[in-house]
Amino acid sequence: MHHRAIPLLGLSLGEQFVLKPLAEDCAADGQWEGLLVAAPIMLDNGIATPANTIVIK
């Protein structure tokens, strides 16, 4: 799926997000809803670029 979804469809796949700090923050303030935005670095023929990830709560 990766070799089709990423270069042909432009999808970014978030498989290795570190979500434990986010879960701890949500537990601390009691707010469990938010928008996760992950913008990948644009590289020609790149298949495993790090994402600039942020959660807006």
Protein backbone atom coordinates (compact mmCIF):
# COMPACT_ATOMS: atom_id res chain seq x y z
CA MET A 1 0.00 0.00 0.00
CA HIS A 2 2.83 2.42 0.81
CA HIS A 3 4.28 2.46 -2.69
CA ARG A 4 0.88 3.50 -4.08
CA ALA A 5 -0.63 5.69 -1.36
CA ILE A 6 2.32 7.96 -0.71
CA PRO A 7 3.69 8.94 -4.14
CA LEU A 8 0.58 8.48 -6.28
CA LEU A 9 -2.14 9.73 -3.92
CA GLY A 10 -0.07 12.09 -1.80
CA LEU A 11 -1.23 10.49 1.45
CA SER A 12 0.90 10.73 4.53
CA LEU A 13 0.71 7.72 6.82
CA GLY A 14 1.20 8.21 10.55
CA GLU A 15 2.40 4.85 11.76
CA GLN A 16 4.96 5.78 14.37
CA PHE A 17 3.56 8.81 16.14
CA VAL A 18 4.63 9.09 19.79
CA LEU A 19 1.26 9.70 21.45
CA LYS A 20 2.05 9.02 25.12
CA PRO A 21 2.90 12.68 25.90
CA LEU A 22 -0.36 13.73 24.24
CA ALA A 23 -2.33 11.19 26.29
CA GLU A 24 -0.69 12.45 29.48
CA ASP A 25 -1.53 16.06 28.57
CA CYS A 26 -5.14 15.12 27.82
CA ALA A 27 -5.43 13.32 31.15
CA ALA A 28 -4.00 16.34 32.97
CA ASP A 29 -6.44 18.89 31.54
CA GLY A 30 -9.41 16.58 30.84
CA GLN A 31 -9.68 17.63 27.20
CA TRP A 32 -9.66 14.61 24.90
CA GLU A 33 -10.70 16.19 21.60
CA GLY A 34 -8.38 17.87 19.15
CA LEU A 35 -7.10 18.05 15.62
CA LEU A 36 -3.87 16.24 14.76
CA VAL A 37 -2.07 17.83 11.81
CA ALA A 38 1.03 16.25 10.30
CA ALA A 39 2.72 17.95 7.37
CA PRO A 40 5.46 15.79 5.81
CA ILE A 41 8.66 17.25 4.43
CA MET A 42 8.28 17.49 0.66
CA LEU A 43 11.05 15.44 -0.97
CA ASP A 44 11.08 14.09 -4.50
CA ASN A 45 10.73 10.30 -4.40
CA GLY A 46 10.72 10.36 -0.59
CA ILE A 47 8.89 7.55 1.17
CA ALA A 48 9.89 7.94 4.80
CA THR A 49 10.17 11.60 5.70
CA PRO A 50 9.64 12.88 9.25
CA ALA A 51 6.44 14.81 9.82
CA ASN A 52 6.03 18.17 11.51
CA THR A 53 3.19 17.08 13.79
CA ILE A 54 1.04 19.27 16.04
CA VAL A 55 -2.21 18.75 17.93
CA ILE A 56 -4.62 21.65 18.27
CA LYS A 57 -6.83 21.19 21.31
